[in-house]
């Protein structure tokens, strides 16, 4: 049982003990708390499984669209002064254009870095 269910039981018992509600209303409150505590996990699981299936269908659809599209490979050479965040900035701009970076090589002096 979750903590909210325990608090609901506690509140219902206190209110009934104070004489603010009758036995019939108390039984209805207890039933509502029990029902929601028992049904909620199954409902949540159902929704999560359904969402996962929908995501898988969407991914399959996108993969099919990519398979039907033409692949074009470009080689881009950028000569500029080194600066922090340059690669991140370029890769973000490529992502904004829906381009996929297959390979990236950065040269700094005699060092090569391959991504």
C-alpha atoms as a PDB file:
ATOM      1  CA  UNK A   1       0.000   0.000   0.000  1.00  0.00           C
ATOM      2  CA  UNK A   2       1.268   3.474  -0.741  1.00  0.00           C
ATOM      3  CA  UNK A   3       1.642   6.266   1.761  1.00  0.00           C
ATOM      4  CA  UNK A   4      -1.310   8.250   0.349  1.00  0.00           C
ATOM      5  CA  UNK A   5      -3.566   5.251   0.945  1.00  0.00           C
ATOM      6  CA  UNK A   6      -2.381   4.955   4.529  1.00  0.00           C
ATOM      7  CA  UNK A   7      -3.004   8.655   5.108  1.00  0.00           C
ATOM      8  CA  UNK A   8      -6.476   8.358   3.576  1.00  0.00           C
ATOM      9  CA  UNK A   9      -7.285   5.471   5.921  1.00  0.00           C
ATOM     10  CA  UNK A  10      -5.954   7.444   8.872  1.00  0.00           C
ATOM     11  CA  UNK A  11      -7.995  10.532   7.963  1.00  0.00           C
ATOM     12  CA  UNK A  12     -11.164   8.488   7.426  1.00  0.00           C
ATOM     13  CA  UNK A  13     -10.698   6.795  10.817  1.00  0.00           C
ATOM     14  CA  UNK A  14     -10.085  10.104  12.602  1.00  0.00           C
ATOM     15  CA  UNK A  15     -13.098  11.763  10.965  1.00  0.00           C
ATOM     16  CA  UNK A  16     -15.302   8.774  11.796  1.00  0.00           C
ATOM     17  CA  UNK A  17     -14.004   8.749  15.375  1.00  0.00           C
ATOM     18  CA  UNK A  18     -14.870  12.428  15.705  1.00  0.00           C
ATOM     19  CA  UNK A  19     -18.418  11.612  14.615  1.00  0.00           C
ATOM     20  CA  UNK A  20     -18.300  13.772  11.485  1.00  0.00           C
ATOM     21  CA  UNK A  21     -19.280  10.930   9.137  1.00  0.00           C
ATOM     22  CA  UNK A  22     -21.501   7.896   9.540  1.00  0.00           C
ATOM     23  CA  UNK A  23     -20.630   4.219   9.033  1.00  0.00           C
ATOM     24  CA  UNK A  24     -21.950   4.159   5.458  1.00  0.00           C
ATOM     25  CA  UNK A  25     -19.763   7.056   4.294  1.00  0.00           C
ATOM     26  CA  UNK A  26     -16.770   5.582   6.130  1.00  0.00           C
ATOM     27  CA  UNK A  27     -17.262   2.256   4.306  1.00  0.00           C
ATOM     28  CA  UNK A  28     -17.480   4.113   0.981  1.00  0.00           C
ATOM     29  CA  UNK A  29     -14.233   5.976   1.702  1.00  0.00           C
ATOM     30  CA  UNK A  30     -12.438   2.754   2.669  1.00  0.00           C
ATOM     31  CA  UNK A  31     -13.716   1.050  -0.486  1.00  0.00           C
ATOM     32  CA  UNK A  32     -12.574   3.968  -2.678  1.00  0.00           C
ATOM     33  CA  UNK A  33      -9.087   3.935  -1.173  1.00  0.00           C
ATOM     34  CA  UNK A  34      -8.761   0.149  -1.487  1.00  0.00           C
ATOM     35  CA  UNK A  35     -10.097   0.169  -5.032  1.00  0.00           C
ATOM     36  CA  UNK A  36      -7.719   2.905  -6.189  1.00  0.00           C
ATOM     37  CA  UNK A  37      -4.748   1.306  -4.402  1.00  0.00           C
ATOM     38  CA  UNK A  38      -5.419  -2.040  -6.081  1.00  0.00           C
ATOM     39  CA  UNK A  39      -6.386  -0.848  -9.563  1.00  0.00           C
ATOM     40  CA  UNK A  40      -3.842   1.977 -10.048  1.00  0.00           C
ATOM     41  CA  UNK A  41      -0.732  -0.205 -10.553  1.00  0.00           C
ATOM     42  CA  UNK A  42      -2.482  -2.287 -13.224  1.00  0.00           C
ATOM     43  CA  UNK A  43      -3.782   0.813 -14.979  1.00  0.00           C
ATOM     44  CA  UNK A  44      -0.347   2.403 -14.933  1.00  0.00           C
ATOM     45  CA  UNK A  45       1.258  -0.737 -16.337  1.00  0.00           C
ATOM     46  CA  UNK A  46      -1.352  -0.900 -19.101  1.00  0.00           C
ATOM     47  CA  UNK A  47      -0.642   2.718 -20.069  1.00  0.00           C
ATOM     48  CA  UNK A  48       3.133   2.246 -20.020  1.00  0.00           C
ATOM     49  CA  UNK A  49       2.960  -0.877 -22.185  1.00  0.00           C
ATOM     50  CA  UNK A  50       0.648   0.877 -24.645  1.00  0.00           C
ATOM     51  CA  UNK A  51       2.985   3.886 -24.832  1.00  0.00           C
ATOM     52  CA  UNK A  52       5.979   1.621 -25.431  1.00  0.00           C
ATOM     53  CA  UNK A  53       4.152  -0.180 -28.260  1.00  0.00           C
ATOM     54  CA  UNK A  54       3.248   3.152 -29.855  1.00  0.00           C
ATOM     55  CA  UNK A  55       6.882   4.285 -29.669  1.00  0.00           C
ATOM     56  CA  UNK A  56       8.059   1.049 -31.288  1.00  0.00           C
ATOM     57  CA  UNK A  57       5.521   1.484 -34.100  1.00  0.00           C
ATOM     58  CA  UNK A  58       6.701   5.073 -34.605  1.00  0.00           C
ATOM     59  CA  UNK A  59      10.353   3.980 -34.704  1.00  0.00           C
ATOM     60  CA  UNK A  60       9.516   1.243 -37.222  1.00  0.00           C
ATOM     61  CA  UNK A  61       7.667   3.770 -39.378  1.00  0.00           C
ATOM     62  CA  UNK A  62      10.586   6.203 -39.235  1.00  0.00           C
ATOM     63  CA  UNK A  63      13.052   3.406 -40.096  1.00  0.00           C
ATOM     64  CA  UNK A  64      10.898   2.457 -43.090  1.00  0.00           C
ATOM     65  CA  UNK A  65      10.842   6.083 -44.256  1.00  0.00           C
ATOM     66  CA  UNK A  66      14.628   6.304 -43.890  1.00  0.00           C
ATOM     67  CA  UNK A  67      15.024   3.060 -45.834  1.00  0.00           C
ATOM     68  CA  UNK A  68      12.938   4.479 -48.674  1.00  0.00           C
ATOM     69  CA  UNK A  69      14.936   7.706 -48.800  1.00  0.00           C
ATOM     70  CA  UNK A  70      18.110   8.256 -50.740  1.00  0.00           C
ATOM     71  CA  UNK A  71      21.377   8.375 -48.827  1.00  0.00           C
ATOM     72  CA  UNK A  72      23.797  11.165 -49.716  1.00  0.00           C
ATOM     73  CA  UNK A  73      27.223  11.510 -48.157  1.00  0.00           C
ATOM     74  CA  UNK A  74      28.980  14.849 -47.904  1.00  0.00           C
ATOM     75  CA  UNK A  75      32.484  15.705 -46.869  1.00  0.00           C
ATOM     76  CA  UNK A  76      32.719  19.045 -45.108  1.00  0.00           C
ATOM     77  CA  UNK A  77      36.048  20.651 -44.295  1.00  0.00           C
ATOM     78  CA  UNK A  78      36.022  23.566 -41.892  1.00  0.00           C
ATOM     79  CA  UNK A  79      39.198  25.590 -41.454  1.00  0.00           C
ATOM     80  CA  UNK A  80      39.034  27.998 -38.558  1.00  0.00           C
ATOM     81  CA  UNK A  81      40.742  28.991 -35.371  1.00  0.00           C
ATOM     82  CA  UNK A  82      40.198  26.518 -32.531  1.00  0.00           C
ATOM     83  CA  UNK A  83      37.635  27.500 -29.941  1.00  0.00           C
ATOM     84  CA  UNK A  84      35.708  25.801 -27.160  1.00  0.00           C
ATOM     85  CA  UNK A  85      32.382  24.288 -28.204  1.00  0.00           C
ATOM     86  CA  UNK A  86      33.019  24.462 -31.939  1.00  0.00           C
ATOM     87  CA  UNK A  87      32.339  20.765 -32.565  1.00  0.00           C
ATOM     88  CA  UNK A  88      29.215  20.846 -30.393  1.00  0.00           C
ATOM     89  CA  UNK A  89      27.953  23.898 -32.251  1.00  0.00           C
ATOM     90  CA  UNK A  90      28.544  22.308 -35.666  1.00  0.00           C
ATOM     91  CA  UNK A  91      26.956  19.006 -34.671  1.00  0.00           C
ATOM     92  CA  UNK A  92      23.906  20.840 -33.253  1.00  0.00           C
ATOM     93  CA  UNK A  93      23.493  22.757 -36.511  1.00  0.00           C
ATOM     94  CA  UNK A  94      23.706  19.477 -38.457  1.00  0.00           C
ATOM     95  CA  UNK A  95      21.070  17.929 -36.178  1.00  0.00           C
ATOM     96  CA  UNK A  96      18.801  20.944 -36.724  1.00  0.00           C
ATOM     97  CA  UNK A  97      19.027  20.249 -40.470  1.00  0.00           C
ATOM     98  CA  UNK A  98      18.196  16.545 -39.879  1.00  0.00           C
ATOM     99  CA  UNK A  99      21.693  15.528 -40.984  1.00  0.00           C
ATOM    100  CA  UNK A 100      23.490  12.584 -39.433  1.00  0.00           C
ATOM    101  CA  UNK A 101      27.209  12.852 -38.776  1.00  0.00           C
ATOM    102  CA  UNK A 102      28.709   9.506 -39.742  1.00  0.00           C
ATOM    103  CA  UNK A 103      32.307  10.346 -38.927  1.00  0.00           C
ATOM    104  CA  UNK A 104      34.072  13.431 -37.644  1.00  0.00           C
ATOM    105  CA  UNK A 105      37.817  14.063 -37.505  1.00  0.00           C
ATOM    106  CA  UNK A 106      39.277  16.977 -35.655  1.00  0.00           C
ATOM    107  CA  UNK A 107      42.874  17.999 -36.168  1.00  0.00           C
ATOM    108  CA  UNK A 108      44.727  20.134 -33.672  1.00  0.00           C
ATOM    109  CA  UNK A 109      48.392  20.434 -34.500  1.00  0.00           C
ATOM    110  CA  UNK A 110      49.680  16.877 -34.940  1.00  0.00           C
ATOM    111  CA  UNK A 111      46.760  15.286 -33.074  1.00  0.00           C
ATOM    112  CA  UNK A 112      43.731  13.726 -34.740  1.00  0.00           C
ATOM    113  CA  UNK A 113      40.531  13.010 -32.839  1.00  0.00           C
ATOM    114  CA  UNK A 114      37.944  10.743 -34.490  1.00  0.00           C
ATOM    115  CA  UNK A 115      34.330  10.652 -33.374  1.00  0.00           C
END
